[in-house]
């Protein structure tokens, strides 16, 4: 495959992977996943409304109302699914790896703040297991070469090897 075709394919593959990330978030908002996902839908913060880039006002868990004023002292880099959705819709993520990193940060924060055995910690464990299962379905970045392309690639390699041995 020529370099320009590889770049174009890679760009298309990244876009396909980011669509997959979008579908994972959509899936996590379905009723059957609510029990494990709802603690992660919105950011935890000092007020009760959060404004996203699309001008939606969404309610967020209030650290005072939840009696967790120490949350910002423990969780230095908060992350939640609405922030991830916002990043997807604004094309902040250039690849699926960045989405994955944010998801893992969200789970790490959950485990850091919520002791084992608590409902939110257990939801985090179940959510992480579900996510890892889904992540195995992530579309590949590498093209499935046809036999013809593989032959061309082999010929290119043979040509390169013969040039090296001639020197």
Protein backbone atom coordinates (compact mmCIF):
# COMPACT_ATOMS: atom_id res chain seq x y z
CA UNK A 1 0.00 0.00 0.00
CA UNK A 2 1.39 3.42 -0.91
CA UNK A 3 2.16 5.92 1.91
CA UNK A 4 -0.62 8.33 0.86
CA UNK A 5 -3.14 5.48 0.82
CA UNK A 6 -1.91 4.37 4.26
CA UNK A 7 -2.38 7.88 5.70
CA UNK A 8 -5.88 8.14 4.22
CA UNK A 9 -6.78 4.70 5.52
CA UNK A 10 -5.32 5.47 8.95
CA UNK A 11 -7.39 8.67 9.12
CA UNK A 12 -10.52 6.75 8.12
CA UNK A 13 -9.66 4.01 10.61
CA UNK A 14 -9.26 6.56 13.41
CA UNK A 15 -12.65 8.02 12.50
CA UNK A 16 -14.17 4.53 12.58
CA UNK A 17 -12.63 3.88 15.98
CA UNK A 18 -13.98 7.17 17.34
CA UNK A 19 -17.45 6.23 16.05
CA UNK A 20 -17.04 3.02 18.03
CA UNK A 21 -16.19 5.08 21.16
CA UNK A 22 -19.38 7.06 20.60
CA UNK A 23 -21.38 3.83 20.36
CA UNK A 24 -19.85 2.56 23.63
CA UNK A 25 -21.02 5.70 25.45
CA UNK A 26 -24.45 5.42 23.84
CA UNK A 27 -24.67 1.80 24.94
CA UNK A 28 -23.74 2.73 28.52
CA UNK A 29 -26.71 5.09 28.63
CA UNK A 30 -29.16 2.25 27.93
CA UNK A 31 -31.50 1.19 30.70
CA UNK A 32 -29.85 -2.22 31.18
CA UNK A 33 -26.51 -0.56 32.12
CA UNK A 34 -27.92 2.22 34.30
CA UNK A 35 -27.15 0.46 37.59
CA UNK A 36 -23.41 0.33 36.86
CA UNK A 37 -23.06 3.48 34.75
CA UNK A 38 -25.16 6.20 36.39
CA UNK A 39 -22.51 7.26 38.96
CA UNK A 40 -20.27 8.15 36.00
CA UNK A 41 -22.73 10.02 33.78
CA UNK A 42 -21.91 13.52 35.04
CA UNK A 43 -19.00 15.29 36.71
CA UNK A 44 -18.88 15.65 40.46
CA UNK A 45 -18.49 19.32 41.26
CA UNK A 46 -19.15 22.29 43.48
CA UNK A 47 -22.38 23.37 41.76
CA UNK A 48 -25.47 21.63 40.54
CA UNK A 49 -25.37 22.59 36.83
CA UNK A 50 -22.75 21.99 34.19
CA UNK A 51 -22.77 23.68 30.78
CA UNK A 52 -21.45 21.66 27.84
CA UNK A 53 -20.23 23.02 24.53
CA UNK A 54 -23.60 22.33 22.92
CA UNK A 55 -25.17 24.70 25.50
CA UNK A 56 -26.99 21.91 27.35
CA UNK A 57 -27.37 22.38 31.07
CA UNK A 58 -27.01 19.08 32.87
CA UNK A 59 -27.40 18.48 36.59
CA UNK A 60 -24.26 17.27 38.30
CA UNK A 61 -23.75 15.69 41.69
CA UNK A 62 -23.01 18.44 44.18
CA UNK A 63 -20.08 17.68 46.51
CA UNK A 64 -21.77 19.57 49.35
CA UNK A 65 -25.13 17.84 48.90
CA UNK A 66 -23.37 14.46 48.72
CA UNK A 67 -21.35 15.37 51.82
CA UNK A 68 -18.05 14.80 50.02
CA UNK A 69 -16.35 18.21 50.21
CA UNK A 70 -12.95 16.48 50.22
CA UNK A 71 -13.52 15.00 46.72
CA UNK A 72 -11.47 17.69 44.89
CA UNK A 73 -8.59 17.18 47.32
CA UNK A 74 -8.42 13.46 46.51
CA UNK A 75 -9.38 13.41 42.82
CA UNK A 76 -7.04 15.84 41.06
CA UNK A 77 -8.09 15.07 37.47
CA UNK A 78 -11.83 14.30 37.44
CA UNK A 79 -13.37 12.53 34.47
CA UNK A 80 -16.90 11.39 33.62
CA UNK A 81 -18.89 10.17 30.64
CA UNK A 82 -20.52 13.52 29.84
CA UNK A 83 -17.07 15.12 29.59
CA UNK A 84 -15.94 12.26 27.34
CA UNK A 85 -19.08 12.72 25.20
CA UNK A 86 -18.36 16.43 24.98
CA UNK A 87 -14.76 15.72 23.90
CA UNK A 88 -16.01 13.32 21.22
CA UNK A 89 -18.55 15.79 19.87
CA UNK A 90 -15.96 18.60 19.75
CA UNK A 91 -13.36 16.29 18.10
CA UNK A 92 -10.91 16.74 20.96
CA UNK A 93 -9.86 13.10 20.74
CA UNK A 94 -7.58 12.46 17.78
CA UNK A 95 -7.71 8.71 18.35
CA UNK A 96 -9.44 6.03 20.40
CA UNK A 97 -6.44 5.66 22.69
CA UNK A 98 -7.16 9.10 24.18
CA UNK A 99 -10.76 8.07 24.82
CA UNK A 100 -9.54 4.85 26.44
CA UNK A 101 -7.13 6.83 28.64
CA UNK A 102 -9.95 9.09 29.84
CA UNK A 103 -12.19 6.11 30.57
CA UNK A 104 -9.41 4.48 32.61
CA UNK A 105 -8.84 7.77 34.46
CA UNK A 106 -12.53 7.81 35.38
CA UNK A 107 -12.29 4.25 36.75
CA UNK A 108 -9.03 5.02 38.56
CA UNK A 109 -10.67 8.03 40.21
CA UNK A 110 -13.60 5.84 41.25
CA UNK A 111 -11.31 3.34 42.94
CA UNK A 112 -9.21 6.10 44.50
CA UNK A 113 -12.18 7.85 46.12
CA UNK A 114 -14.61 4.98 46.81
CA UNK A 115 -13.38 2.20 49.11
CA UNK A 116 -13.78 -1.44 48.03
CA UNK A 117 -17.18 -2.80 48.94
CA UNK A 118 -19.03 0.50 48.50
CA UNK A 119 -21.80 0.64 45.87
CA UNK A 120 -19.96 3.12 43.64
CA UNK A 121 -16.72 1.10 43.81
CA UNK A 122 -18.63 -2.06 42.85
CA UNK A 123 -20.33 -0.18 40.00
CA UNK A 124 -16.86 0.89 38.84
CA UNK A 125 -15.64 -2.71 38.84
CA UNK A 126 -18.65 -3.86 36.80
CA UNK A 127 -18.41 -0.90 34.44
CA UNK A 128 -14.71 -1.54 33.84
CA UNK A 129 -15.39 -5.22 33.08
CA UNK A 130 -18.16 -4.29 30.64
CA UNK A 131 -15.92 -1.69 28.99
CA UNK A 132 -13.01 -4.11 28.57
CA UNK A 133 -15.34 -6.66 26.92
CA UNK A 134 -16.65 -3.99 24.53
CA UNK A 135 -13.15 -2.67 23.82
CA UNK A 136 -12.21 -6.00 22.22
CA UNK A 137 -14.65 -5.06 19.44
CA UNK A 138 -12.71 -1.87 18.58
CA UNK A 139 -12.15 -1.76 14.81
CA UNK A 140 -8.54 -2.32 13.76
CA UNK A 141 -6.33 0.49 12.50
CA UNK A 142 -4.55 -1.88 10.14
CA UNK A 143 -6.11 -2.58 6.78
CA UNK A 144 -6.96 -6.11 5.79
CA UNK A 145 -4.72 -6.44 2.76
CA UNK A 146 -6.00 -8.31 -0.25
CA UNK A 147 -3.88 -11.08 -1.78
CA UNK A 148 -2.96 -8.69 -4.61
CA UNK A 149 -1.76 -6.01 -2.17
CA UNK A 150 0.22 -8.62 -0.20
CA UNK A 151 1.93 -9.73 -3.43
CA UNK A 152 2.80 -6.10 -4.26
CA UNK A 153 4.15 -5.63 -0.76
CA UNK A 154 6.23 -8.82 -1.05
CA UNK A 155 7.61 -7.63 -4.42
CA UNK A 156 8.49 -4.25 -2.88
CA UNK A 157 10.34 -6.03 -0.06
CA UNK A 158 12.14 -8.35 -2.50
CA UNK A 159 13.16 -5.31 -4.53
CA UNK A 160 14.42 -3.54 -1.41
CA UNK A 161 16.38 -6.63 -0.31
CA UNK A 162 18.01 -6.96 -3.74
CA UNK A 163 19.02 -3.28 -3.68
CA UNK A 164 20.57 -3.76 -0.24
CA UNK A 165 22.49 -6.90 -1.31
CA UNK A 166 23.76 -5.15 -4.48
CA UNK A 167 25.43 -2.42 -2.43
